[in-house]
Amino acid sequence: MAQEDNIKTHPIHPSTLGKRMLVGAGISLLISLFFVLGVDDPKPEWHALWIVKPLLIIPAAGALGGAFFHFMDHLRYEGGWRLILANVLSVLVYLVVVWLGIVLGLHGTMWD
């Protein structure tokens, strides 16, 4: 007689890495659009294509923050206080990475 294994396995990553990176990039793209579209008259010393740099760098930073959130699933899966730690740490790292992306993206134009 064979024993049946009734253990239910739960995936550690309920969502794909690419999806979480897209969500992180999308949120930071909205943040960058808030800054960029708020400029009515750009200064003459800014390059003509100054808008491209923040629209590339800030969403890239947001994608890195989304990747960090994805990689924290191993800690989040354990539950309890580790779940809270993983969520708080993920939000803090995302905010810091996006802030650094804003600084790098707007350097030389709006961030002086």
Protein backbone atom coordinates (compact mmCIF):
# COMPACT_ATOMS: atom_id res chain seq x y z
CA MET A 1 0.00 0.00 0.00
CA ALA A 2 1.42 3.34 -1.05
CA GLN A 3 1.27 6.37 1.17
CA GLU A 4 -0.27 9.50 -0.25
CA ASP A 5 1.45 12.79 0.30
CA ASN A 6 -1.21 15.39 1.09
CA ILE A 7 1.15 18.25 1.72
CA LYS A 8 -0.05 21.39 0.00
CA THR A 9 2.73 23.50 -1.35
CA HIS A 10 2.38 27.22 -1.68
CA PRO A 11 4.52 29.10 -4.14
CA ILE A 12 6.99 31.41 -2.47
CA HIS A 13 6.61 33.90 -5.29
CA PRO A 14 2.91 34.38 -6.02
CA SER A 15 3.78 36.96 -8.66
CA THR A 16 6.60 37.08 -11.19
CA LEU A 17 9.67 39.25 -10.88
CA GLY A 18 8.86 41.09 -14.09
CA LYS A 19 5.36 41.96 -12.91
CA ARG A 20 6.62 43.41 -9.64
CA MET A 21 9.31 45.36 -11.44
CA LEU A 22 6.69 46.78 -13.80
CA VAL A 23 4.51 47.83 -10.87
CA GLY A 24 7.48 49.52 -9.17
CA ALA A 25 8.46 51.25 -12.41
CA GLY A 26 4.86 52.33 -13.05
CA ILE A 27 4.50 53.95 -9.64
CA SER A 28 7.78 55.80 -10.02
CA LEU A 29 6.86 56.82 -13.58
CA LEU A 30 3.80 58.58 -12.17
CA ILE A 31 6.04 60.33 -9.64
CA SER A 32 8.45 61.44 -12.37
CA LEU A 33 5.59 62.67 -14.56
CA PHE A 34 4.37 64.77 -11.63
CA PHE A 35 7.72 66.56 -11.51
CA VAL A 36 8.40 66.78 -15.23
CA LEU A 37 4.96 67.91 -16.38
CA GLY A 38 4.93 70.61 -13.72
CA VAL A 39 7.60 72.59 -15.57
CA ASP A 40 6.00 75.27 -17.74
CA ASP A 41 9.09 77.11 -18.95
CA PRO A 42 12.33 75.11 -18.73
CA LYS A 43 15.46 77.15 -18.16
CA PRO A 44 17.45 77.95 -21.30
CA GLU A 45 20.62 76.31 -19.95
CA TRP A 46 18.87 72.92 -19.79
CA HIS A 47 19.37 70.67 -22.79
CA ALA A 48 16.48 70.46 -25.26
CA LEU A 49 15.85 66.80 -24.35
CA TRP A 50 16.17 67.27 -20.58
CA ILE A 51 12.88 65.45 -20.03
CA VAL A 52 14.25 62.09 -21.24
CA LYS A 53 16.75 61.59 -18.41
CA PRO A 54 14.26 61.64 -15.50
CA LEU A 55 11.73 59.58 -17.46
CA LEU A 56 14.32 56.82 -17.84
CA ILE A 57 16.24 56.90 -14.56
CA ILE A 58 13.37 57.26 -12.07
CA PRO A 59 11.32 54.30 -13.40
CA ALA A 60 14.50 52.20 -13.52
CA ALA A 61 15.02 52.94 -9.84
CA GLY A 62 11.39 52.01 -9.18
CA ALA A 63 11.93 48.72 -10.99
CA LEU A 64 14.86 47.97 -8.68
CA GLY A 65 12.63 48.68 -5.70
CA GLY A 66 10.03 46.29 -7.11
CA ALA A 67 12.71 43.63 -7.51
CA PHE A 68 13.72 44.07 -3.87
CA PHE A 69 10.07 43.61 -2.86
CA HIS A 70 10.02 40.38 -4.87
CA PHE A 71 13.17 39.02 -3.27
CA MET A 72 11.77 39.65 0.21
CA ASP A 73 9.09 36.99 -0.39
CA HIS A 74 11.25 34.34 1.27
CA LEU A 75 11.12 36.32 4.50
CA ARG A 76 7.48 37.29 3.99
CA TYR A 77 6.52 33.62 3.52
CA GLU A 78 7.59 32.73 7.06
CA GLY A 79 4.85 34.91 8.54
CA GLY A 80 4.64 36.52 11.98
CA TRP A 81 7.01 39.33 12.78
CA ARG A 82 9.09 38.46 9.72
CA LEU A 83 6.14 39.36 7.50
CA ILE A 84 5.93 42.78 9.12
CA LEU A 85 9.70 43.23 8.91
CA ALA A 86 9.74 42.28 5.22
CA ASN A 87 6.91 44.67 4.36
CA VAL A 88 8.36 47.61 6.30
CA LEU A 89 11.83 46.99 4.92
CA SER A 90 10.45 46.69 1.37
CA VAL A 91 8.63 50.02 1.63
CA LEU A 92 11.65 51.79 3.13
CA VAL A 93 14.04 50.43 0.50
CA TYR A 94 11.60 51.34 -2.29
CA LEU A 95 11.27 54.90 -1.01
CA VAL A 96 15.05 55.34 -0.67
CA VAL A 97 15.77 53.87 -4.11
CA VAL A 98 13.11 56.03 -5.79
CA TRP A 99 14.38 59.10 -3.93
CA LEU A 100 17.90 58.38 -5.20
CA GLY A 101 16.46 57.91 -8.68
CA ILE A 102 14.75 61.29 -8.43
CA VAL A 103 18.01 62.92 -7.38
CA LEU A 104 19.93 61.28 -10.23
CA GLY A 105 17.20 61.86 -12.79
CA LEU A 106 16.65 65.53 -12.00
CA HIS A 107 20.33 66.37 -11.39
CA GLY A 108 21.35 69.33 -13.48
CA THR A 109 17.81 70.48 -14.14
CA MET A 110 15.30 70.70 -11.32
CA TRP A 111 17.61 69.31 -8.61
CA ASP A 112 20.36 71.87 -8.02
